[in-house]
Amino acid sequence: MSDQPNIEDTIPSRSGREIYQQFTAPDGTFVVLTYNDLWMMIVCQSTLDGDWTRTRQACMIVTDPLKKRVIADRLWALEQQLDGLPAIPPEVLLFNLHRAHRWFNERMVSESKLR
């Protein structure tokens, strides 16, 4: 028996373009949030006090700034349209907190095929 983890038991890393959540907004529009969106929401809420203006500014000094700025702009507009974004469950926040900050600071945005 090996001390190495069984590859079948590990959770694959997300690229960011996978769907995190889908829902219908009160105005009837269908909303899709990807893991890129989730990670941006986590960074905004946990580090920048939910301030989308500061989040949008911070996007410009990290890896892949323009694509991250587009995500932040979209989420800020969506928050205004919905009068708030969906709450992030504590267990989802805990599991994704480190990944979100690493993605924000170091990783490229994985292009979503959803538009």
N, C-alpha and C. Protein backbone atom coordinates (compact mmCIF):
# COMPACT_ATOMS: atom_id res chain seq x y z
N MET A 1 0.85 -1.18 0.00
CA MET A 1 0.00 0.00 0.00
C MET A 1 0.89 1.24 0.00
N SER A 2 0.58 2.18 -0.85
CA SER A 2 1.39 3.38 -1.03
C SER A 2 0.85 4.53 -0.18
N ASP A 3 1.76 5.44 0.18
CA ASP A 3 1.35 6.65 0.89
C ASP A 3 0.85 7.72 -0.08
N GLN A 4 0.97 7.47 -1.35
CA GLN A 4 0.52 8.42 -2.36
C GLN A 4 -1.01 8.41 -2.44
N PRO A 5 -1.62 9.59 -2.63
CA PRO A 5 -3.08 9.62 -2.75
C PRO A 5 -3.52 8.90 -4.03
N ASN A 6 -4.66 8.30 -3.94
CA ASN A 6 -5.24 7.63 -5.10
C ASN A 6 -5.77 8.70 -6.04
N ILE A 7 -5.30 8.70 -7.27
CA ILE A 7 -5.69 9.72 -8.24
C ILE A 7 -7.20 9.77 -8.45
N GLU A 8 -7.87 8.65 -8.28
CA GLU A 8 -9.32 8.61 -8.46
C GLU A 8 -10.04 9.32 -7.31
N ASP A 9 -9.35 9.53 -6.18
CA ASP A 9 -9.97 10.17 -5.02
C ASP A 9 -9.72 11.67 -4.97
N THR A 10 -8.92 12.20 -5.89
CA THR A 10 -8.62 13.63 -5.86
C THR A 10 -9.64 14.40 -6.68
N ILE A 11 -9.82 15.65 -6.31
CA ILE A 11 -10.75 16.52 -7.03
C ILE A 11 -9.94 17.25 -8.10
N PRO A 12 -10.35 17.17 -9.35
CA PRO A 12 -9.60 17.85 -10.40
C PRO A 12 -9.67 19.36 -10.24
N SER A 13 -8.61 20.00 -10.62
CA SER A 13 -8.55 21.45 -10.55
C SER A 13 -9.49 22.07 -11.58
N ARG A 14 -10.13 23.13 -11.22
CA ARG A 14 -11.04 23.82 -12.13
C ARG A 14 -10.25 24.80 -12.98
N SER A 15 -10.68 24.95 -14.23
CA SER A 15 -10.02 25.91 -15.11
C SER A 15 -10.61 27.31 -14.92
N GLY A 16 -11.84 27.38 -14.48
CA GLY A 16 -12.51 28.67 -14.28
C GLY A 16 -13.72 28.83 -15.16
N ARG A 17 -13.73 28.19 -16.32
CA ARG A 17 -14.85 28.38 -17.24
C ARG A 17 -16.04 27.47 -16.93
N GLU A 18 -15.86 26.53 -16.01
CA GLU A 18 -16.96 25.64 -15.65
C GLU A 18 -18.08 26.44 -14.97
N ILE A 19 -19.29 25.94 -15.13
CA ILE A 19 -20.44 26.61 -14.52
C ILE A 19 -20.44 26.34 -13.01
N TYR A 20 -20.51 27.42 -12.25
CA TYR A 20 -20.64 27.33 -10.79
C TYR A 20 -22.12 27.33 -10.41
N GLN A 21 -22.88 28.24 -11.02
CA GLN A 21 -24.29 28.39 -10.64
C GLN A 21 -25.08 28.97 -11.81
N GLN A 22 -26.32 28.53 -11.95
CA GLN A 22 -27.24 29.06 -12.96
C GLN A 22 -28.56 29.39 -12.27
N PHE A 23 -29.16 30.48 -12.68
CA PHE A 23 -30.46 30.83 -12.11
C PHE A 23 -31.16 31.81 -13.04
N THR A 24 -32.44 31.98 -12.80
CA THR A 24 -33.24 32.95 -13.55
C THR A 24 -33.41 34.18 -12.67
N ALA A 25 -33.04 35.32 -13.20
CA ALA A 25 -33.17 36.59 -12.48
C ALA A 25 -34.64 36.99 -12.41
N PRO A 26 -34.98 37.88 -11.49
CA PRO A 26 -36.37 38.32 -11.38
C PRO A 26 -36.96 38.89 -12.67
N ASP A 27 -36.11 39.44 -13.54
CA ASP A 27 -36.61 39.99 -14.80
C ASP A 27 -36.75 38.93 -15.89
N GLY A 28 -36.46 37.67 -15.54
CA GLY A 28 -36.62 36.57 -16.47
C GLY A 28 -35.38 36.19 -17.25
N THR A 29 -34.30 36.96 -17.12
CA THR A 29 -33.07 36.62 -17.83
C THR A 29 -32.36 35.46 -17.14
N PHE A 30 -31.74 34.63 -17.94
CA PHE A 30 -31.01 33.47 -17.43
C PHE A 30 -29.58 33.90 -17.11
N VAL A 31 -29.12 33.64 -15.90
CA VAL A 31 -27.80 34.07 -15.46
C VAL A 31 -26.93 32.83 -15.23
N VAL A 32 -25.72 32.88 -15.77
CA VAL A 32 -24.76 31.81 -15.57
C VAL A 32 -23.53 32.41 -14.90
N LEU A 33 -23.14 31.83 -13.78
CA LEU A 33 -21.91 32.23 -13.09
C LEU A 33 -20.90 31.10 -13.23
N THR A 34 -19.71 31.44 -13.68
CA THR A 34 -18.64 30.45 -13.82
C THR A 34 -17.77 30.48 -12.56
N TYR A 35 -16.82 29.57 -12.51
CA TYR A 35 -15.87 29.61 -11.40
C TYR A 35 -14.99 30.86 -11.47
N ASN A 36 -14.72 31.38 -12.66
CA ASN A 36 -14.03 32.67 -12.74
C ASN A 36 -14.84 33.73 -11.99
N ASP A 37 -16.16 33.73 -12.19
CA ASP A 37 -17.03 34.67 -11.50
C ASP A 37 -17.00 34.44 -9.99
N LEU A 38 -17.11 33.19 -9.59
CA LEU A 38 -17.08 32.86 -8.16
C LEU A 38 -15.80 33.36 -7.53
N TRP A 39 -14.67 33.08 -8.16
CA TRP A 39 -13.38 33.49 -7.59
C TRP A 39 -13.28 35.01 -7.49
N MET A 40 -13.81 35.73 -8.50
CA MET A 40 -13.78 37.19 -8.44
C MET A 40 -14.68 37.68 -7.30
N MET A 41 -15.84 37.06 -7.13
CA MET A 41 -16.74 37.43 -6.03
C MET A 41 -16.06 37.20 -4.68
N ILE A 42 -15.35 36.09 -4.55
CA ILE A 42 -14.65 35.79 -3.30
C ILE A 42 -13.58 36.83 -3.01
N VAL A 43 -12.79 37.18 -4.02
CA VAL A 43 -11.74 38.19 -3.82
C VAL A 43 -12.36 39.52 -3.43
N CYS A 44 -13.41 39.92 -4.13
CA CYS A 44 -14.07 41.19 -3.83
C CYS A 44 -14.60 41.20 -2.39
N GLN A 45 -15.29 40.15 -2.01
CA GLN A 45 -15.92 40.11 -0.69
C GLN A 45 -14.92 39.92 0.44
N SER A 46 -13.93 39.05 0.24
CA SER A 46 -13.05 38.70 1.35
C SER A 46 -11.87 39.64 1.53
N THR A 47 -11.44 40.29 0.47
CA THR A 47 -10.24 41.13 0.56
C THR A 47 -10.54 42.60 0.35
N LEU A 48 -11.53 42.90 -0.45
CA LEU A 48 -11.78 44.30 -0.82
C LEU A 48 -13.12 44.80 -0.28
N ASP A 49 -13.61 44.16 0.77
CA ASP A 49 -14.80 44.60 1.49
C ASP A 49 -16.04 44.75 0.62
N GLY A 50 -16.13 43.94 -0.44
CA GLY A 50 -17.29 44.00 -1.31
C GLY A 50 -17.34 45.23 -2.19
N ASP A 51 -16.23 45.94 -2.30
CA ASP A 51 -16.14 47.19 -3.05
C ASP A 51 -15.72 46.90 -4.49
N TRP A 52 -16.68 46.96 -5.42
CA TRP A 52 -16.38 46.64 -6.82
C TRP A 52 -15.48 47.68 -7.47
N THR A 53 -15.53 48.94 -7.02
CA THR A 53 -14.63 49.95 -7.57
C THR A 53 -13.18 49.59 -7.25
N ARG A 54 -12.92 49.23 -6.01
CA ARG A 54 -11.56 48.81 -5.62
C ARG A 54 -11.17 47.50 -6.32
N THR A 55 -12.12 46.60 -6.48
CA THR A 55 -11.84 45.33 -7.16
C THR A 55 -11.45 45.60 -8.60
N ARG A 56 -12.19 46.47 -9.27
CA ARG A 56 -11.88 46.80 -10.66
C ARG A 56 -10.51 47.44 -10.78
N GLN A 57 -10.15 48.28 -9.82
CA GLN A 57 -8.81 48.88 -9.81
C GLN A 57 -7.74 47.83 -9.58
N ALA A 58 -7.99 46.91 -8.64
CA ALA A 58 -7.01 45.86 -8.33
C ALA A 58 -6.79 44.94 -9.53
N CYS A 59 -7.81 44.76 -10.34
CA CYS A 59 -7.68 43.91 -11.53
C CYS A 59 -6.56 44.41 -12.43
N MET A 60 -6.32 45.69 -12.44
CA MET A 60 -5.36 46.26 -13.38
C MET A 60 -3.90 46.05 -12.97
N ILE A 61 -3.66 45.48 -11.78
CA ILE A 61 -2.26 45.27 -11.35
C ILE A 61 -1.94 43.80 -11.13
N VAL A 62 -2.79 42.91 -11.65
CA VAL A 62 -2.55 41.48 -11.50
C VAL A 62 -2.41 40.83 -12.88
N THR A 63 -2.13 39.55 -12.90
CA THR A 63 -2.01 38.80 -14.15
C THR A 63 -3.33 38.84 -14.92
N ASP A 64 -3.24 39.05 -16.23
CA ASP A 64 -4.40 39.07 -17.13
C ASP A 64 -5.40 40.16 -16.73
N PRO A 65 -4.92 41.40 -16.60
CA PRO A 65 -5.75 42.47 -16.04
C PRO A 65 -7.02 42.80 -16.82
N LEU A 66 -6.94 42.83 -18.13
CA LEU A 66 -8.12 43.25 -18.90
C LEU A 66 -9.25 42.25 -18.82
N LYS A 67 -8.93 40.97 -18.88
CA LYS A 67 -9.98 39.95 -18.79
C LYS A 67 -10.58 39.91 -17.38
N LYS A 68 -9.75 40.12 -16.37
CA LYS A 68 -10.28 40.13 -15.00
C LYS A 68 -11.14 41.38 -14.79
N ARG A 69 -10.76 42.47 -15.40
CA ARG A 69 -11.57 43.70 -15.30
C ARG A 69 -12.94 43.49 -15.94
N VAL A 70 -12.99 42.79 -17.06
CA VAL A 70 -14.26 42.49 -17.73
C VAL A 70 -15.16 41.67 -16.79
N ILE A 71 -14.58 40.70 -16.11
CA ILE A 71 -15.36 39.88 -15.16
C ILE A 71 -15.89 40.76 -14.02
N ALA A 72 -15.02 41.59 -13.46
CA ALA A 72 -15.43 42.47 -12.36
C ALA A 72 -16.52 43.44 -12.82
N ASP A 73 -16.38 44.00 -14.01
CA ASP A 73 -17.40 44.92 -14.54
C ASP A 73 -18.74 44.21 -14.68
N ARG A 74 -18.71 42.99 -15.21
CA ARG A 74 -19.94 42.22 -15.41
C ARG A 74 -20.61 41.92 -14.07
N LEU A 75 -19.82 41.50 -13.09
CA LEU A 75 -20.40 41.16 -11.78
C LEU A 75 -20.94 42.40 -11.07
N TRP A 76 -20.26 43.51 -11.21
CA TRP A 76 -20.72 44.75 -10.59
C TRP A 76 -22.07 45.16 -11.20
N ALA A 77 -22.16 45.08 -12.53
CA ALA A 77 -23.42 45.41 -13.20
C ALA A 77 -24.52 44.42 -12.80
N LEU A 78 -24.17 43.15 -12.71
CA LEU A 78 -25.14 42.13 -12.32
C LEU A 78 -25.61 42.36 -10.89
N GLU A 79 -24.70 42.74 -10.01
CA GLU A 79 -25.07 43.03 -8.62
C GLU A 79 -26.08 44.19 -8.56
N GLN A 80 -25.86 45.20 -9.38
CA GLN A 80 -26.79 46.33 -9.41
C GLN A 80 -28.14 45.91 -10.00
N GLN A 81 -28.10 45.10 -11.04
CA GLN A 81 -29.33 44.64 -11.70
C GLN A 81 -30.16 43.78 -10.75
N LEU A 82 -29.50 42.90 -10.00
CA LEU A 82 -30.20 41.96 -9.12
C LEU A 82 -30.40 42.49 -7.71
N ASP A 83 -29.85 43.66 -7.42
CA ASP A 83 -29.85 44.21 -6.07
C ASP A 83 -29.12 43.25 -5.12
N GLY A 84 -27.98 42.76 -5.58
CA GLY A 84 -27.15 41.84 -4.80
C GLY A 84 -26.84 40.58 -5.59
N LEU A 85 -25.70 40.01 -5.34
CA LEU A 85 -25.31 38.75 -5.96
C LEU A 85 -25.69 37.59 -5.04
N PRO A 86 -25.80 36.39 -5.59
CA PRO A 86 -26.13 35.24 -4.73
C PRO A 86 -25.08 35.07 -3.63
N ALA A 87 -25.54 34.70 -2.46
CA ALA A 87 -24.63 34.45 -1.34
C ALA A 87 -23.75 33.23 -1.64
N ILE A 88 -22.53 33.29 -1.16
CA ILE A 88 -21.61 32.16 -1.32
C ILE A 88 -21.68 31.35 -0.03
N PRO A 89 -22.08 30.09 -0.13
CA PRO A 89 -22.16 29.25 1.08
C PRO A 89 -20.78 29.17 1.77
N PRO A 90 -20.77 29.15 3.11
CA PRO A 90 -19.50 29.13 3.85
C PRO A 90 -18.55 28.01 3.42
N GLU A 91 -19.09 26.82 3.14
CA GLU A 91 -18.21 25.71 2.76
C GLU A 91 -17.60 25.94 1.37
N VAL A 92 -18.32 26.60 0.48
CA VAL A 92 -17.79 26.92 -0.85
C VAL A 92 -16.72 28.00 -0.71
N LEU A 93 -16.98 28.99 0.13
CA LEU A 93 -16.00 30.04 0.39
C LEU A 93 -14.71 29.45 0.95
N LEU A 94 -14.84 28.62 1.95
CA LEU A 94 -13.67 28.02 2.59
C LEU A 94 -12.86 27.18 1.60
N PHE A 95 -13.54 26.37 0.81
CA PHE A 95 -12.87 25.49 -0.14
C PHE A 95 -12.17 26.28 -1.25
N ASN A 96 -12.73 27.43 -1.64
CA ASN A 96 -12.21 28.18 -2.79
C ASN A 96 -11.42 29.43 -2.44
N LEU A 97 -11.28 29.76 -1.17
CA LEU A 97 -10.64 31.02 -0.77
C LEU A 97 -9.21 31.14 -1.28
N HIS A 98 -8.38 30.17 -1.00
CA HIS A 98 -6.99 30.21 -1.44
C HIS A 98 -6.91 30.17 -2.97
N ARG A 99 -7.70 29.30 -3.57
CA ARG A 99 -7.70 29.16 -5.03
C ARG A 99 -8.11 30.49 -5.68
N ALA A 100 -9.10 31.16 -5.12
CA ALA A 100 -9.57 32.43 -5.69
C ALA A 100 -8.46 33.48 -5.68
N HIS A 101 -7.75 33.59 -4.59
CA HIS A 101 -6.69 34.59 -4.50
C HIS A 101 -5.50 34.23 -5.39
N ARG A 102 -5.21 32.97 -5.48
CA ARG A 102 -4.11 32.55 -6.36
C ARG A 102 -4.49 32.83 -7.82
N TRP A 103 -5.73 32.49 -8.18
CA TRP A 103 -6.22 32.77 -9.54
C TRP A 103 -6.15 34.27 -9.81
N PHE A 104 -6.64 35.07 -8.89
CA PHE A 104 -6.69 36.52 -9.10
C PHE A 104 -5.29 37.10 -9.29
N ASN A 105 -4.36 36.71 -8.46
CA ASN A 105 -3.03 37.30 -8.50
C ASN A 105 -2.09 36.71 -9.54
N GLU A 106 -2.24 35.41 -9.85
CA GLU A 106 -1.22 34.73 -10.63
C GLU A 106 -1.68 34.07 -11.92
N ARG A 107 -2.92 33.72 -12.02
CA ARG A 107 -3.37 32.89 -13.15
C ARG A 107 -4.03 33.71 -14.25
N MET A 108 -4.02 33.15 -15.43
CA MET A 108 -4.73 33.71 -16.58
C MET A 108 -6.21 33.32 -16.48
N VAL A 109 -7.06 34.13 -17.06
CA VAL A 109 -8.48 33.81 -17.11
C VAL A 109 -8.70 32.76 -18.18
N SER A 110 -9.37 31.71 -17.82
CA SER A 110 -9.75 30.69 -18.79
C SER A 110 -10.99 31.19 -19.51
N GLU A 111 -10.92 31.27 -20.82
CA GLU A 111 -12.01 31.81 -21.61
C GLU A 111 -13.26 30.95 -21.50
N SER A 112 -14.35 31.56 -21.17
CA SER A 112 -15.63 30.87 -21.14
C SER A 112 -16.20 30.78 -22.55
N LYS A 113 -16.78 29.67 -22.85
CA LYS A 113 -17.43 29.51 -24.14
C LYS A 113 -18.86 30.04 -24.07
N LEU A 114 -19.26 30.49 -22.90
CA LEU A 114 -20.61 31.03 -22.70
C LEU A 114 -20.59 32.53 -22.96
N ARG A 115 -21.43 33.00 -23.79
CA ARG A 115 -21.55 34.45 -24.03
C ARG A 115 -22.92 34.77 -24.50
